[in-house]
Each structure stands twice: as C-alpha cells, then as structure tokens.
C-alpha cells in the first residue's frame, strides 16, 4: 500500500465516521515528518472519539496497520493518529480555526479527495 492509498483510506474512514471538512495534503518533499496529512473536523468530544476509533479500527482491520503513535485526548479537542507516512488530525471546529494548522501548507499541497460512492 502506498502512502497516498493509506491517506485516502484514512480520509474515507473519517468520512464514514461522519467527520466533516476533510482535507488531504500531499506533503512529500515539503515535510520531513510525513508524506500526507489528513485534517478533519468532529462536532463534539464523543464524535471526536468515534472518528479516532473508527479510523483506527478500519485501517487496522482492512490493512493490518496500527498507528505508531496515537494522541487520544479528545477533551483537548485535537487528536492525532500517526501512521508515519500519514498523519490524521481530528479537531473540533473552534480548535481547527484557532490553530489554523493548514496555513503551514501551500494551497497546492491540498489534493482532491472524494469518498467512493
């Protein structure tokens, strides 16, 4: 599985868990820590927990991959699943707006992604 395929699988799992505003960034050649970043929004702490759980479960069951690191503190309203080549950031809307993580990346790093019908 390529890092791009993993990124899209993570984005799809987040979409299946009803995360919103899912953005996929291709950071190859830009970042020294990961190839792809997925940023998505959860509507509440329970929803954030569910998105983390579902992405982790789906990727584990379908591809046999576990995150090398998982920041599972949903009360902080920003959690991360780190698959080395792919990092999944699940954030509450107000935290996403405040930290504006996506400003660190160029708009052209954002790649088109759409869930399969």
PDB file of N, CA and C in Angstrom:
ATOM      1  N   UNK A   1       0.847  -1.182   0.000  1.00  0.00           N
ATOM      2  CA  UNK A   1       0.000   0.000   0.000  1.00  0.00           C
ATOM      3  C   UNK A   1       0.883   1.230   0.000  1.00  0.00           C
ATOM      4  N   UNK A   2       0.593   2.154  -0.893  1.00  0.00           N
ATOM      5  CA  UNK A   2       1.362   3.397  -0.932  1.00  0.00           C
ATOM      6  C   UNK A   2       0.853   4.360   0.143  1.00  0.00           C
ATOM      7  N   UNK A   3       1.662   5.359   0.438  1.00  0.00           N
ATOM      8  CA  UNK A   3       1.235   6.343   1.433  1.00  0.00           C
ATOM      9  C   UNK A   3       0.006   7.115   0.946  1.00  0.00           C
ATOM     10  N   UNK A   4      -0.099   7.340  -0.350  1.00  0.00           N
ATOM     11  CA  UNK A   4      -1.274   8.031  -0.884  1.00  0.00           C
ATOM     12  C   UNK A   4      -2.526   7.167  -0.717  1.00  0.00           C
ATOM     13  N   UNK A   5      -2.413   5.881  -0.979  1.00  0.00           N
ATOM     14  CA  UNK A   5      -3.553   4.979  -0.786  1.00  0.00           C
ATOM     15  C   UNK A   5      -3.970   4.938   0.678  1.00  0.00           C
ATOM     16  N   UNK A   6      -2.984   4.922   1.580  1.00  0.00           N
ATOM     17  CA  UNK A   6      -3.292   4.948   3.006  1.00  0.00           C
ATOM     18  C   UNK A   6      -3.975   6.253   3.390  1.00  0.00           C
ATOM     19  N   UNK A   7      -3.497   7.360   2.848  1.00  0.00           N
ATOM     20  CA  UNK A   7      -4.117   8.660   3.139  1.00  0.00           C
ATOM     21  C   UNK A   7      -5.580   8.666   2.709  1.00  0.00           C
ATOM     22  N   UNK A   8      -5.845   8.165   1.517  1.00  0.00           N
ATOM     23  CA  UNK A   8      -7.226   8.124   1.037  1.00  0.00           C
ATOM     24  C   UNK A   8      -8.075   7.157   1.864  1.00  0.00           C
ATOM     25  N   UNK A   9      -7.489   6.034   2.304  1.00  0.00           N
ATOM     26  CA  UNK A   9      -8.221   5.092   3.154  1.00  0.00           C
ATOM     27  C   UNK A   9      -8.564   5.737   4.494  1.00  0.00           C
ATOM     28  N   UNK A  10      -7.647   6.502   5.047  1.00  0.00           N
ATOM     29  CA  UNK A  10      -7.906   7.208   6.313  1.00  0.00           C
ATOM     30  C   UNK A  10      -8.992   8.264   6.122  1.00  0.00           C
ATOM     31  N   UNK A  11      -8.922   8.995   5.019  1.00  0.00           N
ATOM     32  CA  UNK A  11      -9.931  10.019   4.739  1.00  0.00           C
ATOM     33  C   UNK A  11     -11.307   9.384   4.580  1.00  0.00           C
ATOM     34  N   UNK A  12     -11.359   8.243   3.891  1.00  0.00           N
ATOM     35  CA  UNK A  12     -12.635   7.551   3.708  1.00  0.00           C
ATOM     36  C   UNK A  12     -13.185   7.065   5.050  1.00  0.00           C
ATOM     37  N   UNK A  13     -12.307   6.522   5.898  1.00  0.00           N
ATOM     38  CA  UNK A  13     -12.748   6.059   7.217  1.00  0.00           C
ATOM     39  C   UNK A  13     -13.267   7.225   8.054  1.00  0.00           C
ATOM     40  N   UNK A  14     -12.611   8.372   7.971  1.00  0.00           N
ATOM     41  CA  UNK A  14     -13.089   9.566   8.688  1.00  0.00           C
ATOM     42  C   UNK A  14     -14.438  10.004   8.136  1.00  0.00           C
ATOM     43  N   UNK A  15     -14.594   9.941   6.822  1.00  0.00           N
ATOM     44  CA  UNK A  15     -15.873  10.293   6.198  1.00  0.00           C
ATOM     45  C   UNK A  15     -16.969   9.329   6.633  1.00  0.00           C
ATOM     46  N   UNK A  16     -16.649   8.052   6.677  1.00  0.00           N
ATOM     47  CA  UNK A  16     -17.628   7.056   7.133  1.00  0.00           C
ATOM     48  C   UNK A  16     -18.063   7.319   8.571  1.00  0.00           C
ATOM     49  N   UNK A  17     -17.159   7.909   9.371  1.00  0.00           N
ATOM     50  CA  UNK A  17     -17.470   8.244  10.764  1.00  0.00           C
ATOM     51  C   UNK A  17     -18.133   9.617  10.880  1.00  0.00           C
ATOM     52  N   UNK A  18     -18.476  10.205   9.740  1.00  0.00           N
ATOM     53  CA  UNK A  18     -19.192  11.486   9.665  1.00  0.00           C
ATOM     54  C   UNK A  18     -18.353  12.692  10.063  1.00  0.00           C
ATOM     55  N   UNK A  19     -17.019  12.569   9.945  1.00  0.00           N
ATOM     56  CA  UNK A  19     -16.175  13.755  10.116  1.00  0.00           C
ATOM     57  C   UNK A  19     -16.504  14.717   8.974  1.00  0.00           C
ATOM     58  N   UNK A  20     -16.303  15.989   9.195  1.00  0.00           N
ATOM     59  CA  UNK A  20     -16.612  16.984   8.172  1.00  0.00           C
ATOM     60  C   UNK A  20     -15.339  17.720   7.755  1.00  0.00           C
ATOM     61  N   UNK A  21     -15.458  18.493   6.682  1.00  0.00           N
ATOM     62  CA  UNK A  21     -14.363  19.337   6.176  1.00  0.00           C
ATOM     63  C   UNK A  21     -13.056  18.550   6.076  1.00  0.00           C
ATOM     64  N   UNK A  22     -13.133  17.376   5.482  1.00  0.00           N
ATOM     65  CA  UNK A  22     -11.951  16.514   5.361  1.00  0.00           C
ATOM     66  C   UNK A  22     -11.043  17.072   4.264  1.00  0.00           C
ATOM     67  N   UNK A  23      -9.797  17.313   4.632  1.00  0.00           N
ATOM     68  CA  UNK A  23      -8.802  17.821   3.685  1.00  0.00           C
ATOM     69  C   UNK A  23      -7.600  16.887   3.700  1.00  0.00           C
ATOM     70  N   UNK A  24      -7.101  16.570   2.511  1.00  0.00           N
ATOM     71  CA  UNK A  24      -5.928  15.709   2.371  1.00  0.00           C
ATOM     72  C   UNK A  24      -4.818  16.547   1.756  1.00  0.00           C
ATOM     73  N   UNK A  25      -3.646  16.513   2.389  1.00  0.00           N
ATOM     74  CA  UNK A  25      -2.492  17.277   1.928  1.00  0.00           C
ATOM     75  C   UNK A  25      -1.346  16.348   1.572  1.00  0.00           C
ATOM     76  N   UNK A  26      -0.803  16.539   0.377  1.00  0.00           N
ATOM     77  CA  UNK A  26       0.369  15.806  -0.082  1.00  0.00           C
ATOM     78  C   UNK A  26       1.589  16.617   0.328  1.00  0.00           C
ATOM     79  N   UNK A  27       2.317  16.130   1.301  1.00  0.00           N
ATOM     80  CA  UNK A  27       3.447  16.871   1.856  1.00  0.00           C
ATOM     81  C   UNK A  27       4.791  16.267   1.469  1.00  0.00           C
ATOM     82  N   UNK A  28       4.771  15.353   0.499  1.00  0.00           N
ATOM     83  CA  UNK A  28       6.038  14.762   0.042  1.00  0.00           C
ATOM     84  C   UNK A  28       6.909  15.875  -0.525  1.00  0.00           C
ATOM     85  N   UNK A  29       8.142  15.926  -0.054  1.00  0.00           N
ATOM     86  CA  UNK A  29       9.056  16.967  -0.495  1.00  0.00           C
ATOM     87  C   UNK A  29       8.885  18.284   0.251  1.00  0.00           C
ATOM     88  N   UNK A  30       7.873  18.371   1.099  1.00  0.00           N
ATOM     89  CA  UNK A  30       7.609  19.583   1.870  1.00  0.00           C
ATOM     90  C   UNK A  30       7.864  19.361   3.352  1.00  0.00           C
ATOM     91  N   UNK A  31       7.461  18.198   3.842  1.00  0.00           N
ATOM     92  CA  UNK A  31       7.574  17.875   5.262  1.00  0.00           C
ATOM     93  C   UNK A  31       8.607  16.776   5.478  1.00  0.00           C
ATOM     94  N   UNK A  32       9.359  16.897   6.537  1.00  0.00           N
ATOM     95  CA  UNK A  32      10.329  15.847   6.873  1.00  0.00           C
ATOM     96  C   UNK A  32       9.726  14.809   7.811  1.00  0.00           C
ATOM     97  N   UNK A  33       8.481  15.021   8.251  1.00  0.00           N
ATOM     98  CA  UNK A  33       7.901  14.089   9.217  1.00  0.00           C
ATOM     99  C   UNK A  33       6.804  13.187   8.662  1.00  0.00           C
ATOM    100  N   UNK A  34       6.200  13.551   7.545  1.00  0.00           N
ATOM    101  CA  UNK A  34       5.139  12.717   6.994  1.00  0.00           C
ATOM    102  C   UNK A  34       4.969  13.008   5.506  1.00  0.00           C
ATOM    103  N   UNK A  35       4.379  12.052   4.803  1.00  0.00           N
ATOM    104  CA  UNK A  35       4.094  12.238   3.377  1.00  0.00           C
ATOM    105  C   UNK A  35       2.737  12.904   3.149  1.00  0.00           C
ATOM    106  N   UNK A  36       1.760  12.522   3.973  1.00  0.00           N
ATOM    107  CA  UNK A  36       0.399  13.037   3.808  1.00  0.00           C
ATOM    108  C   UNK A  36      -0.176  13.415   5.164  1.00  0.00           C
ATOM    109  N   UNK A  37      -1.003  14.437   5.172  1.00  0.00           N
ATOM    110  CA  UNK A  37      -1.740  14.832   6.371  1.00  0.00           C
ATOM    111  C   UNK A  37      -3.213  14.912   6.008  1.00  0.00           C
ATOM    112  N   UNK A  38      -4.028  14.377   6.884  1.00  0.00           N
ATOM    113  CA  UNK A  38      -5.480  14.495   6.762  1.00  0.00           C
ATOM    114  C   UNK A  38      -5.927  15.348   7.938  1.00  0.00           C
ATOM    115  N   UNK A  39      -6.713  16.356   7.657  1.00  0.00           N
ATOM    116  CA  UNK A  39      -7.277  17.205   8.701  1.00  0.00           C
ATOM    117  C   UNK A  39      -8.783  17.126   8.547  1.00  0.00           C
ATOM    118  N   UNK A  40      -9.464  16.843   9.649  1.00  0.00           N
ATOM    119  CA  UNK A  40     -10.924  16.773   9.590  1.00  0.00           C
ATOM    120  C   UNK A  40     -11.517  17.305  10.886  1.00  0.00           C
ATOM    121  N   UNK A  41     -12.793  17.584  10.835  1.00  0.00           N
ATOM    122  CA  UNK A  41     -13.490  18.198  11.957  1.00  0.00           C
ATOM    123  C   UNK A  41     -14.499  17.229  12.554  1.00  0.00           C
ATOM    124  N   UNK A  42     -14.516  17.216  13.890  1.00  0.00           N
ATOM    125  CA  UNK A  42     -15.522  16.469  14.644  1.00  0.00           C
ATOM    126  C   UNK A  42     -16.405  17.494  15.355  1.00  0.00           C
ATOM    127  N   UNK A  43     -17.657  17.148  15.533  1.00  0.00           N
ATOM    128  CA  UNK A  43     -18.634  18.117  16.056  1.00  0.00           C
ATOM    129  C   UNK A  43     -18.735  18.167  17.576  1.00  0.00           C
ATOM    130  N   UNK A  44     -18.128  17.186  18.264  1.00  0.00           N
ATOM    131  CA  UNK A  44     -18.209  17.125  19.720  1.00  0.00           C
ATOM    132  C   UNK A  44     -17.119  16.182  20.224  1.00  0.00           C
ATOM    133  N   UNK A  45     -16.922  16.143  21.528  1.00  0.00           N
ATOM    134  CA  UNK A  45     -15.939  15.217  22.097  1.00  0.00           C
ATOM    135  C   UNK A  45     -16.325  13.765  21.806  1.00  0.00           C
ATOM    136  N   UNK A  46     -17.586  13.353  21.997  1.00  0.00           N
ATOM    137  CA  UNK A  46     -17.933  11.970  21.652  1.00  0.00           C
ATOM    138  C   UNK A  46     -17.718  11.666  20.161  1.00  0.00           C
ATOM    139  N   UNK A  47     -18.013  12.648  19.311  1.00  0.00           N
ATOM    140  CA  UNK A  47     -17.799  12.450  17.881  1.00  0.00           C
ATOM    141  C   UNK A  47     -16.306  12.326  17.579  1.00  0.00           C
ATOM    142  N   UNK A  48     -15.479  13.131  18.223  1.00  0.00           N
ATOM    143  CA  UNK A  48     -14.035  13.050  18.031  1.00  0.00           C
ATOM    144  C   UNK A  48     -13.534  11.660  18.425  1.00  0.00           C
ATOM    145  N   UNK A  49     -14.002  11.155  19.555  1.00  0.00           N
ATOM    146  CA  UNK A  49     -13.640   9.792  19.977  1.00  0.00           C
ATOM    147  C   UNK A  49     -14.055   8.766  18.926  1.00  0.00           C
ATOM    148  N   UNK A  50     -15.251   8.929  18.402  1.00  0.00           N
ATOM    149  CA  UNK A  50     -15.769   7.978  17.413  1.00  0.00           C
ATOM    150  C   UNK A  50     -14.950   8.010  16.125  1.00  0.00           C
ATOM    151  N   UNK A  51     -14.568   9.201  15.672  1.00  0.00           N
ATOM    152  CA  UNK A  51     -13.767   9.300  14.456  1.00  0.00           C
ATOM    153  C   UNK A  51     -12.424   8.608  14.669  1.00  0.00           C
ATOM    154  N   UNK A  52     -11.759   8.877  15.782  1.00  0.00           N
ATOM    155  CA  UNK A  52     -10.487   8.221  16.086  1.00  0.00           C
ATOM    156  C   UNK A  52     -10.642   6.712  16.111  1.00  0.00           C
ATOM    157  N   UNK A  53     -11.649   6.254  16.835  1.00  0.00           N
ATOM    158  CA  UNK A  53     -11.893   4.816  16.971  1.00  0.00           C
ATOM    159  C   UNK A  53     -12.149   4.174  15.617  1.00  0.00           C
ATOM    160  N   UNK A  54     -12.987   4.807  14.828  1.00  0.00           N
ATOM    161  CA  UNK A  54     -13.370   4.210  13.550  1.00  0.00           C
ATOM    162  C   UNK A  54     -12.235   4.213  12.535  1.00  0.00           C
ATOM    163  N   UNK A  55     -11.456   5.287  12.482  1.00  0.00           N
ATOM    164  CA  UNK A  55     -10.312   5.310  11.568  1.00  0.00           C
ATOM    165  C   UNK A  55      -9.314   4.235  11.992  1.00  0.00           C
ATOM    166  N   UNK A  56      -8.985   4.200  13.265  1.00  0.00           N
ATOM    167  CA  UNK A  56      -8.044   3.215  13.792  1.00  0.00           C
ATOM    168  C   UNK A  56      -8.526   1.789  13.503  1.00  0.00           C
ATOM    169  N   UNK A  57      -9.795   1.530  13.764  1.00  0.00           N
ATOM    170  CA  UNK A  57     -10.357   0.189  13.555  1.00  0.00           C
ATOM    171  C   UNK A  57     -10.365  -0.185  12.074  1.00  0.00           C
ATOM    172  N   UNK A  58     -10.813   0.716  11.224  1.00  0.00           N
ATOM    173  CA  UNK A  58     -10.906   0.432   9.790  1.00  0.00           C
ATOM    174  C   UNK A  58      -9.535   0.151   9.187  1.00  0.00           C
ATOM    175  N   UNK A  59      -8.569   0.980   9.504  1.00  0.00           N
ATOM    176  CA  UNK A  59      -7.221   0.801   8.944  1.00  0.00           C
ATOM    177  C   UNK A  59      -6.594  -0.485   9.498  1.00  0.00           C
ATOM    178  N   UNK A  60      -6.832  -0.766  10.759  1.00  0.00           N
ATOM    179  CA  UNK A  60      -6.314  -1.996  11.347  1.00  0.00           C
ATOM    180  C   UNK A  60      -6.930  -3.243  10.738  1.00  0.00           C
ATOM    181  N   UNK A  61      -8.252  -3.234  10.597  1.00  0.00           N
ATOM    182  CA  UNK A  61      -8.942  -4.412  10.064  1.00  0.00           C
ATOM    183  C   UNK A  61      -8.697  -4.605   8.569  1.00  0.00           C
ATOM    184  N   UNK A  62      -8.735  -3.538   7.805  1.00  0.00           N
ATOM    185  CA  UNK A  62      -8.621  -3.650   6.354  1.00  0.00           C
ATOM    186  C   UNK A  62      -7.183  -3.812   5.867  1.00  0.00           C
ATOM    187  N   UNK A  63      -6.238  -3.193   6.566  1.00  0.00           N
ATOM    188  CA  UNK A  63      -4.867  -3.156   6.061  1.00  0.00           C
ATOM    189  C   UNK A  63      -3.825  -3.678   7.046  1.00  0.00           C
ATOM    190  N   UNK A  64      -4.259  -4.051   8.252  1.00  0.00           N
ATOM    191  CA  UNK A  64      -3.331  -4.581   9.240  1.00  0.00           C
ATOM    192  C   UNK A  64      -2.336  -3.561   9.764  1.00  0.00           C
ATOM    193  N   UNK A  65      -2.692  -2.290   9.706  1.00  0.00           N
ATOM    194  CA  UNK A  65      -1.795  -1.227  10.152  1.00  0.00           C
ATOM    195  C   UNK A  65      -2.302  -0.600  11.441  1.00  0.00           C
ATOM    196  N   UNK A  66      -1.382  -0.339  12.330  1.00  0.00           N
ATOM    197  CA  UNK A  66      -1.693   0.345  13.582  1.00  0.00           C
ATOM    198  C   UNK A  66      -0.894   1.645  13.608  1.00  0.00           C
ATOM    199  N   UNK A  67      -1.435   2.686  14.204  1.00  0.00           N
ATOM    200  CA  UNK A  67      -0.646   3.924  14.295  1.00  0.00           C
ATOM    201  C   UNK A  67       0.581   3.711  15.179  1.00  0.00           C
ATOM    202  N   UNK A  68       1.684   4.307  14.791  1.00  0.00           N
ATOM    203  CA  UNK A  68       2.907   4.239  15.588  1.00  0.00           C
ATOM    204  C   UNK A  68       2.731   5.073  16.864  1.00  0.00           C
ATOM    205  N   UNK A  69       1.870   6.075  16.763  1.00  0.00           N
ATOM    206  CA  UNK A  69       1.550   6.937  17.900  1.00  0.00           C
ATOM    207  C   UNK A  69       0.120   7.407  17.746  1.00  0.00           C
ATOM    208  N   UNK A  70      -0.565   7.477  18.846  1.00  0.00           N
ATOM    209  CA  UNK A  70      -1.936   7.985  18.829  1.00  0.00           C
ATOM    210  C   UNK A  70      -2.127   8.913  20.022  1.00  0.00           C
ATOM    211  N   UNK A  71      -2.444  10.144  19.746  1.00  0.00           N
ATOM    212  CA  UNK A  71      -2.775  11.116  20.782  1.00  0.00           C
ATOM    213  C   UNK A  71      -4.273  11.023  20.975  1.00  0.00           C
ATOM    214  N   UNK A  72      -4.685  10.352  22.029  1.00  0.00           N
ATOM    215  CA  UNK A  72      -6.106  10.072  22.255  1.00  0.00           C
ATOM    216  C   UNK A  72      -6.626  10.863  23.458  1.00  0.00           C
ATOM    217  N   UNK A  73      -6.551  12.158  23.354  1.00  0.00           N
ATOM    218  CA  UNK A  73      -7.088  13.018  24.414  1.00  0.00           C
ATOM    219  C   UNK A  73      -8.168  13.902  23.811  1.00  0.00           C
ATOM    220  N   UNK A  74      -9.328  13.317  23.538  1.00  0.00           N
ATOM    221  CA  UNK A  74     -10.371  14.083  22.853  1.00  0.00           C
ATOM    222  C   UNK A  74     -10.835  15.318  23.621  1.00  0.00           C
ATOM    223  N   UNK A  75     -10.653  15.341  24.936  1.00  0.00           N
ATOM    224  CA  UNK A  75     -11.059  16.529  25.683  1.00  0.00           C
ATOM    225  C   UNK A  75     -10.223  17.743  25.296  1.00  0.00           C
ATOM    226  N   UNK A  76      -9.035  17.517  24.718  1.00  0.00           N
ATOM    227  CA  UNK A  76      -8.206  18.611  24.225  1.00  0.00           C
ATOM    228  C   UNK A  76      -8.749  19.149  22.902  1.00  0.00           C
ATOM    229  N   UNK A  77      -9.696  18.434  22.313  1.00  0.00           N
ATOM    230  CA  UNK A  77     -10.369  18.822  21.076  1.00  0.00           C
ATOM    231  C   UNK A  77      -9.463  18.761  19.840  1.00  0.00           C
ATOM    232  N   UNK A  78      -8.315  18.066  19.978  1.00  0.00           N
ATOM    233  CA  UNK A  78      -7.418  17.841  18.845  1.00  0.00           C
ATOM    234  C   UNK A  78      -6.671  16.550  19.129  1.00  0.00           C
ATOM    235  N   UNK A  79      -6.884  15.553  18.321  1.00  0.00           N
ATOM    236  CA  UNK A  79      -6.205  14.272  18.483  1.00  0.00           C
ATOM    237  C   UNK A  79      -5.566  13.864  17.163  1.00  0.00           C
ATOM    238  N   UNK A  80      -4.552  13.018  17.273  1.00  0.00           N
ATOM    239  CA  UNK A  80      -3.769  12.633  16.102  1.00  0.00           C
ATOM    240  C   UNK A  80      -3.554  11.128  16.083  1.00  0.00           C
ATOM    241  N   UNK A  81      -3.664  10.550  14.897  1.00  0.00           N
ATOM    242  CA  UNK A  81      -3.233   9.176  14.640  1.00  0.00           C
ATOM    243  C   UNK A  81      -2.041   9.284  13.692  1.00  0.00           C
ATOM    244  N   UNK A  82      -0.898   8.743  14.091  1.00  0.00           N
ATOM    245  CA  UNK A  82       0.328   8.865  13.302  1.00  0.00           C
ATOM    246  C   UNK A  82       0.708   7.506  12.727  1.00  0.00           C
ATOM    247  N   UNK A  83       0.550   7.372  11.422  1.00  0.00           N
ATOM    248  CA  UNK A  83       0.926   6.152  10.709  1.00  0.00           C
ATOM    249  C   UNK A  83       2.275   6.334  10.005  1.00  0.00           C
ATOM    250  N   UNK A  84       3.091   7.223  10.466  1.00  0.00           N
ATOM    251  CA  UNK A  84       4.404   7.618   9.948  1.00  0.00           C
ATOM    252  C   UNK A  84       4.272   8.350   8.618  1.00  0.00           C
ATOM    253  N   UNK A  85       3.867   7.660   7.559  1.00  0.00           N
ATOM    254  CA  UNK A  85       3.741   8.308   6.252  1.00  0.00           C
ATOM    255  C   UNK A  85       2.453   9.109   6.129  1.00  0.00           C
ATOM    256  N   UNK A  86       1.532   8.889   7.057  1.00  0.00           N
ATOM    257  CA  UNK A  86       0.237   9.581   7.053  1.00  0.00           C
ATOM    258  C   UNK A  86      -0.098   9.974   8.488  1.00  0.00           C
ATOM    259  N   UNK A  87      -0.478  11.231   8.671  1.00  0.00           N
ATOM    260  CA  UNK A  87      -0.935  11.695   9.980  1.00  0.00           C
ATOM    261  C   UNK A  87      -2.373  12.181   9.838  1.00  0.00           C
ATOM    262  N   UNK A  88      -3.224  11.706  10.738  1.00  0.00           N
ATOM    263  CA  UNK A  88      -4.634  12.074  10.729  1.00  0.00           C
ATOM    264  C   UNK A  88      -4.888  12.992  11.927  1.00  0.00           C
ATOM    265  N   UNK A  89      -5.299  14.222  11.651  1.00  0.00           N
ATOM    266  CA  UNK A  89      -5.624  15.194  12.696  1.00  0.00           C
ATOM    267  C   UNK A  89      -7.146  15.312  12.756  1.00  0.00           C
ATOM    268  N   UNK A  90      -7.699  15.023  13.914  1.00  0.00           N
ATOM    269  CA  UNK A  90      -9.140  15.166  14.129  1.00  0.00           C
ATOM    270  C   UNK A  90      -9.314  16.291  15.139  1.00  0.00           C
ATOM    271  N   UNK A  91     -10.028  17.345  14.718  1.00  0.00           N
ATOM    272  CA  UNK A  91     -10.100  18.561  15.518  1.00  0.00           C
ATOM    273  C   UNK A  91     -11.539  19.048  15.655  1.00  0.00           C
ATOM    274  N   UNK A  92     -11.802  19.684  16.779  1.00  0.00           N
ATOM    275  CA  UNK A  92     -13.063  20.404  16.916  1.00  0.00           C
ATOM    276  C   UNK A  92     -12.967  21.651  16.042  1.00  0.00           C
ATOM    277  N   UNK A  93     -14.087  22.123  15.572  1.00  0.00           N
ATOM    278  CA  UNK A  93     -14.130  23.261  14.664  1.00  0.00           C
ATOM    279  C   UNK A  93     -13.403  24.483  15.224  1.00  0.00           C
ATOM    280  N   UNK A  94     -13.669  24.827  16.483  1.00  0.00           N
ATOM    281  CA  UNK A  94     -13.057  26.028  17.056  1.00  0.00           C
ATOM    282  C   UNK A  94     -11.546  25.871  17.215  1.00  0.00           C
ATOM    283  N   UNK A  95     -11.075  24.666  17.480  1.00  0.00           N
ATOM    284  CA  UNK A  95      -9.632  24.417  17.601  1.00  0.00           C
ATOM    285  C   UNK A  95      -8.979  24.471  16.224  1.00  0.00           C
ATOM    286  N   UNK A  96      -9.654  23.916  15.246  1.00  0.00           N
ATOM    287  CA  UNK A  96      -9.130  23.970  13.870  1.00  0.00           C
ATOM    288  C   UNK A  96      -9.006  25.412  13.404  1.00  0.00           C
ATOM    289  N   UNK A  97      -9.995  26.225  13.699  1.00  0.00           N
ATOM    290  CA  UNK A  97      -9.943  27.644  13.330  1.00  0.00           C
ATOM    291  C   UNK A  97      -8.832  28.378  14.081  1.00  0.00           C
ATOM    292  N   UNK A  98      -8.710  28.092  15.377  1.00  0.00           N
ATOM    293  CA  UNK A  98      -7.737  28.800  16.210  1.00  0.00           C
ATOM    294  C   UNK A  98      -6.303  28.498  15.793  1.00  0.00           C
ATOM    295  N   UNK A  99      -5.965  27.221  15.638  1.00  0.00           N
ATOM    296  CA  UNK A  99      -4.588  26.839  15.324  1.00  0.00           C
ATOM    297  C   UNK A  99      -4.253  26.964  13.842  1.00  0.00           C
ATOM    298  N   UNK A 100      -5.260  26.934  12.998  1.00  0.00           N
ATOM    299  CA  UNK A 100      -5.082  27.140  11.567  1.00  0.00           C
ATOM    300  C   UNK A 100      -3.904  26.334  11.014  1.00  0.00           C
ATOM    301  N   UNK A 101      -3.853  25.066  11.401  1.00  0.00           N
ATOM    302  CA  UNK A 101      -2.783  24.156  11.017  1.00  0.00           C
ATOM    303  C   UNK A 101      -2.530  24.163   9.513  1.00  0.00           C
ATOM    304  N   UNK A 102      -3.585  24.264   8.754  1.00  0.00           N
ATOM    305  CA  UNK A 102      -3.474  24.174   7.308  1.00  0.00           C
ATOM    306  C   UNK A 102      -2.744  25.358   6.676  1.00  0.00           C
ATOM    307  N   UNK A 103      -2.569  26.427   7.431  1.00  0.00           N
ATOM    308  CA  UNK A 103      -1.837  27.577   6.919  1.00  0.00           C
ATOM    309  C   UNK A 103      -0.352  27.258   6.732  1.00  0.00           C
ATOM    310  N   UNK A 104       0.129  26.213   7.400  1.00  0.00           N
ATOM    311  CA  UNK A 104       1.533  25.823   7.260  1.00  0.00           C
ATOM    312  C   UNK A 104       1.826  25.215   5.895  1.00  0.00           C
ATOM    313  N   UNK A 105       0.792  24.766   5.205  1.00  0.00           N
ATOM    314  CA  UNK A 105       0.975  24.093   3.924  1.00  0.00           C
ATOM    315  C   UNK A 105       0.453  24.982   2.796  1.00  0.00           C
ATOM    316  N   UNK A 106       1.069  24.840   1.661  1.00  0.00           N
ATOM    317  CA  UNK A 106       0.655  25.609   0.490  1.00  0.00           C
ATOM    318  C   UNK A 106      -0.672  25.079  -0.033  1.00  0.00           C
ATOM    319  N   UNK A 107      -1.505  25.960  -0.576  1.00  0.00           N
ATOM    320  CA  UNK A 107      -2.789  25.500  -1.131  1.00  0.00           C
ATOM    321  C   UNK A 107      -2.610  24.414  -2.186  1.00  0.00           C
ATOM    322  N   UNK A 108      -1.523  24.474  -2.935  1.00  0.00           N
ATOM    323  CA  UNK A 108      -1.313  23.460  -3.971  1.00  0.00           C
ATOM    324  C   UNK A 108      -0.954  22.089  -3.391  1.00  0.00           C
ATOM    325  N   UNK A 109      -0.652  22.029  -2.071  1.00  0.00           N
ATOM    326  CA  UNK A 109      -0.422  20.738  -1.425  1.00  0.00           C
ATOM    327  C   UNK A 109      -1.734  19.985  -1.168  1.00  0.00           C
ATOM    328  N   UNK A 110      -2.835  20.715  -1.170  1.00  0.00           N
ATOM    329  CA  UNK A 110      -4.123  20.063  -0.948  1.00  0.00           C
ATOM    330  C   UNK A 110      -4.506  19.300  -2.208  1.00  0.00           C
ATOM    331  N   UNK A 111      -4.867  18.039  -2.012  1.00  0.00           N
ATOM    332  CA  UNK A 111      -5.226  17.218  -3.176  1.00  0.00           C
ATOM    333  C   UNK A 111      -6.685  16.852  -3.107  1.00  0.00           C
ATOM    334  N   UNK A 112      -7.236  16.679  -4.273  1.00  0.00           N
ATOM    335  CA  UNK A 112      -8.652  16.338  -4.370  1.00  0.00           C
ATOM    336  C   UNK A 112      -8.887  14.939  -3.831  1.00  0.00           C
ATOM    337  N   UNK A 113      -9.899  14.836  -3.037  1.00  0.00           N
ATOM    338  CA  UNK A 113     -10.302  13.563  -2.485  1.00  0.00           C
ATOM    339  C   UNK A 113     -11.820  13.560  -2.405  1.00  0.00           C
ATOM    340  N   UNK A 114     -12.403  12.448  -2.767  1.00  0.00           N
ATOM    341  CA  UNK A 114     -13.852  12.301  -2.627  1.00  0.00           C
ATOM    342  C   UNK A 114     -14.131  10.846  -2.251  1.00  0.00           C
ATOM    343  N   UNK A 115     -15.055  10.640  -1.325  1.00  0.00           N
ATOM    344  CA  UNK A 115     -15.379   9.258  -0.951  1.00  0.00           C
ATOM    345  C   UNK A 115     -15.981   8.517  -2.150  1.00  0.00           C
ATOM    346  N   UNK A 116     -15.667   7.238  -2.224  1.00  0.00           N
ATOM    347  CA  UNK A 116     -16.247   6.420  -3.282  1.00  0.00           C
ATOM    348  C   UNK A 116     -17.740   6.261  -3.039  1.00  0.00           C
ATOM    349  N   UNK A 117     -18.501   6.307  -4.090  1.00  0.00           N
ATOM    350  CA  UNK A 117     -19.958   6.167  -3.947  1.00  0.00           C
ATOM    351  C   UNK A 117     -20.341   4.722  -3.834  1.00  0.00           C
TER     352      UNK A 117
END
